[in-house]
Protein backbone atom coordinates (compact mmCIF):
# COMPACT_ATOMS: atom_id res chain seq x y z
CA MET A 1 0.08 0.06 -0.05
CA LEU A 2 1.19 3.45 -0.83
CA ASP A 3 1.69 6.29 1.43
CA ALA A 4 -1.69 8.24 1.44
CA LYS A 5 -0.04 11.65 0.33
CA VAL A 6 1.97 9.94 -2.40
CA ALA A 7 -1.07 7.94 -3.58
CA ASN A 8 -3.18 11.28 -3.54
CA LEU A 9 -0.72 13.07 -5.52
CA ILE A 10 -0.45 10.42 -8.11
CA ASN A 11 -4.12 10.35 -8.30
CA GLU A 12 -4.30 14.07 -8.91
CA GLN A 13 -1.67 13.60 -11.61
CA VAL A 14 -3.83 11.19 -13.45
CA ASN A 15 -6.45 13.92 -13.77
CA LYS A 16 -3.77 16.59 -14.85
CA GLU A 17 -2.44 14.28 -17.62
CA PHE A 18 -5.88 13.92 -18.86
CA TYR A 19 -6.22 17.67 -18.87
CA SER A 20 -2.85 17.79 -20.72
CA ALA A 21 -4.43 15.63 -23.48
CA TYR A 22 -7.43 17.93 -23.69
CA LEU A 23 -4.93 20.93 -23.87
CA TYR A 24 -3.11 19.47 -26.69
CA LEU A 25 -6.23 18.38 -28.55
CA ASP A 26 -7.21 21.92 -28.23
CA PHE A 27 -3.81 23.02 -29.79
CA SER A 28 -4.28 20.38 -32.52
CA ASN A 29 -7.73 21.64 -33.44
CA TYR A 30 -6.45 25.25 -33.52
CA TYR A 31 -3.70 24.16 -36.10
CA TYR A 32 -6.11 22.08 -38.15
CA ASN A 33 -8.50 24.91 -38.34
CA GLU A 34 -5.69 27.28 -39.54
CA GLY A 35 -4.49 24.80 -42.29
CA LEU A 36 -1.23 23.59 -40.43
CA ASP A 37 -2.15 19.99 -40.45
CA GLY A 38 1.45 18.94 -39.51
CA PHE A 39 1.26 20.90 -36.35
CA GLY A 40 -2.30 19.55 -35.75
CA ASN A 41 -0.87 16.03 -36.14
CA TRP A 42 2.11 16.78 -33.90
CA TYR A 43 -0.38 17.89 -30.97
CA LYS A 44 -2.64 15.04 -31.68
CA ILE A 45 0.08 12.66 -31.15
CA GLN A 46 1.17 14.66 -28.04
CA ALA A 47 -2.47 14.27 -26.67
CA GLN A 48 -2.26 10.50 -27.11
CA GLU A 49 1.08 10.43 -25.17
CA GLU A 50 -0.56 12.42 -22.24
CA ARG A 51 -3.44 10.09 -22.16
CA ASP A 52 -0.99 7.15 -21.89
CA HIS A 53 0.68 8.86 -19.19
CA ALA A 54 -2.49 9.13 -17.18
CA MET A 55 -3.25 5.44 -17.89
CA LEU A 56 0.19 4.29 -16.55
CA MET A 57 -0.26 6.27 -13.33
CA LEU A 58 -3.79 5.02 -13.00
CA THR A 59 -2.56 1.39 -13.56
CA TYR A 60 0.28 2.00 -11.03
CA LEU A 61 -2.43 2.99 -8.43
CA GLN A 62 -4.54 -0.02 -9.22
CA ASN A 63 -1.60 -2.42 -9.03
CA ASN A 64 -0.83 -1.00 -5.43
CA GLY A 65 -4.35 -1.42 -4.06
CA GLU A 66 -5.25 2.20 -4.45
CA LYS A 67 -8.66 3.62 -5.41
CA VAL A 68 -8.64 5.86 -8.43
CA VAL A 69 -10.89 8.99 -8.27
CA LEU A 70 -11.46 10.57 -11.62
CA GLU A 71 -12.44 14.10 -11.67
CA ALA A 72 -13.99 16.37 -14.20
CA ILE A 73 -11.48 17.60 -16.80
CA ALA A 74 -11.39 21.24 -17.17
CA LYS A 75 -11.85 22.84 -20.55
CA PRO A 76 -8.55 24.45 -21.82
CA ASP A 77 -8.61 28.23 -21.23
CA VAL A 78 -5.65 29.34 -23.24
CA GLU A 79 -6.31 32.00 -25.82
CA LEU A 80 -4.60 31.15 -29.26
CA LYS A 81 -4.26 34.08 -31.47
CA GLU A 82 -1.02 33.42 -33.35
CA PHE A 83 0.63 30.31 -34.68
CA ILE A 84 3.31 30.43 -32.04
CA ASP A 85 0.93 30.79 -29.06
CA PRO A 86 0.27 26.90 -28.75
CA LEU A 87 4.09 26.32 -28.93
CA ASN A 88 4.83 28.78 -26.12
CA GLU A 89 1.82 27.58 -24.01
CA GLY A 90 2.98 23.95 -24.64
CA LEU A 91 6.40 24.63 -23.27
CA LYS A 92 4.96 26.46 -20.16
CA HIS A 93 2.72 23.51 -19.71
CA GLU A 94 5.50 20.94 -19.82
CA GLN A 95 7.51 22.92 -17.33
CA TYR A 96 4.65 22.90 -15.05
CA VAL A 97 3.97 19.12 -15.43
CA THR A 98 7.80 18.65 -14.72
CA SER A 99 7.18 20.45 -11.42
CA LEU A 100 4.32 18.19 -10.53
CA ILE A 101 6.26 15.13 -11.19
CA HIS A 102 8.94 16.38 -8.96
CA ASN A 103 6.56 17.10 -6.14
CA ILE A 104 5.29 13.51 -6.38
CA TYR A 105 9.01 12.23 -6.42
CA ASP A 106 9.88 14.49 -3.52
CA ALA A 107 6.89 12.99 -1.49
CA ALA A 108 7.86 9.48 -2.21
CA ASN A 109 11.47 10.05 -1.29
CA SER A 110 10.42 11.68 1.92
CA VAL A 111 8.68 8.34 3.04
CA ARG A 112 11.35 6.21 1.53
CA ASP A 113 9.04 4.75 -1.13
CA PHE A 114 11.66 3.40 -3.56
CA ARG A 115 9.25 1.38 -5.72
CA THR A 116 7.22 4.62 -6.48
CA MET A 117 10.60 6.57 -7.12
CA GLN A 118 11.65 4.00 -9.44
CA PHE A 119 8.23 4.14 -11.26
CA LEU A 120 8.69 7.95 -11.47
CA ASP A 121 12.15 7.72 -12.84
CA TRP A 122 10.62 7.08 -16.20
CA PHE A 123 8.39 10.12 -15.95
CA VAL A 124 11.38 12.31 -14.79
CA LYS A 125 13.23 11.14 -17.94
CA GLU A 126 10.09 11.63 -20.14
CA GLN A 127 9.45 15.29 -18.97
CA GLY A 128 13.02 16.03 -19.92
CA GLU A 129 12.39 14.79 -23.44
CA GLU A 130 9.01 16.65 -23.34
CA GLU A 131 10.50 20.00 -22.36
CA LYS A 132 13.25 19.73 -25.05
CA ASN A 133 10.78 18.91 -27.73
CA ALA A 134 8.69 21.91 -26.87
CA GLU A 135 11.83 24.10 -26.60
CA ASP A 136 12.83 22.95 -30.01
CA LEU A 137 9.55 23.62 -31.61
CA VAL A 138 9.54 27.07 -30.27
CA LYS A 139 13.11 27.70 -31.62
CA LYS A 140 12.28 26.26 -34.92
CA PHE A 141 9.15 28.33 -35.20
CA THR A 142 10.95 31.51 -34.18
CA LEU A 143 13.63 30.78 -36.93
CA PHE A 144 11.52 29.59 -39.69
CA GLY A 145 7.81 30.36 -39.01
CA SER A 146 7.75 33.96 -40.32
CA ASP A 147 8.89 32.65 -43.71
CA PRO A 148 6.04 30.99 -45.74
CA LYS A 149 8.46 28.40 -47.26
CA GLY A 150 10.07 27.63 -43.87
CA LEU A 151 6.60 27.39 -42.14
CA TYR A 152 5.59 24.92 -44.98
CA MET A 153 8.67 22.74 -44.55
CA LEU A 154 8.24 22.77 -40.71
CA ASP A 155 4.66 21.82 -41.06
CA ASN A 156 5.62 18.83 -43.24
CA GLU A 157 8.31 17.78 -40.79
CA LEU A 158 5.59 17.74 -38.02
CA ALA A 159 3.20 15.83 -40.27
CA ALA A 160 5.64 12.94 -40.30
CA ARG A 161 5.38 12.35 -36.52
CA VAL A 162 3.81 8.93 -35.80
CA TYR A 163 2.30 7.64 -32.54
CA ALA A 164 4.46 5.45 -30.50
CA ALA A 165 3.15 3.84 -27.14
CA PRO A 166 5.25 4.34 -24.17
CA SER A 167 7.72 1.51 -23.28
CA LEU A 168 7.32 1.59 -19.36
CA VAL A 169 6.71 -1.75 -17.87
CA LEU A 170 4.64 -1.69 -14.76
């Protein structure tokens, strides 16, 4: 059985990961509506990844005898006016999620819950990748997004992204 605080934080994270999926679907919809299907594809796949993260945490709780409480998922409240807005908001959101994962890790560490810390190691590494991907998108857009040909090429690059299920074994 997990420490109550750790279990509660993981349960809260399940819901926050589902919110992340909603947020990225909102970004995807924005880009599809603007005719940038590659950007739309990139964020649709990102939404799938976030859903997978939620499911991994949900399964971890279930495997440890914890009751999962699903809360309502809030509507994304980000205002998107320019093509770069979702990219900047995505980077901010990934930094926020990293802080949440670190809080759970810290709580597990404080009660010497090594199994949960080992489980979270994958998410710590994943968040490093998520932040780098988000930073790279902002940099690429800043460099090439104001040029129609550059934007076209970047959109094509993002259209090539394919979904890959996470490799974490529970």
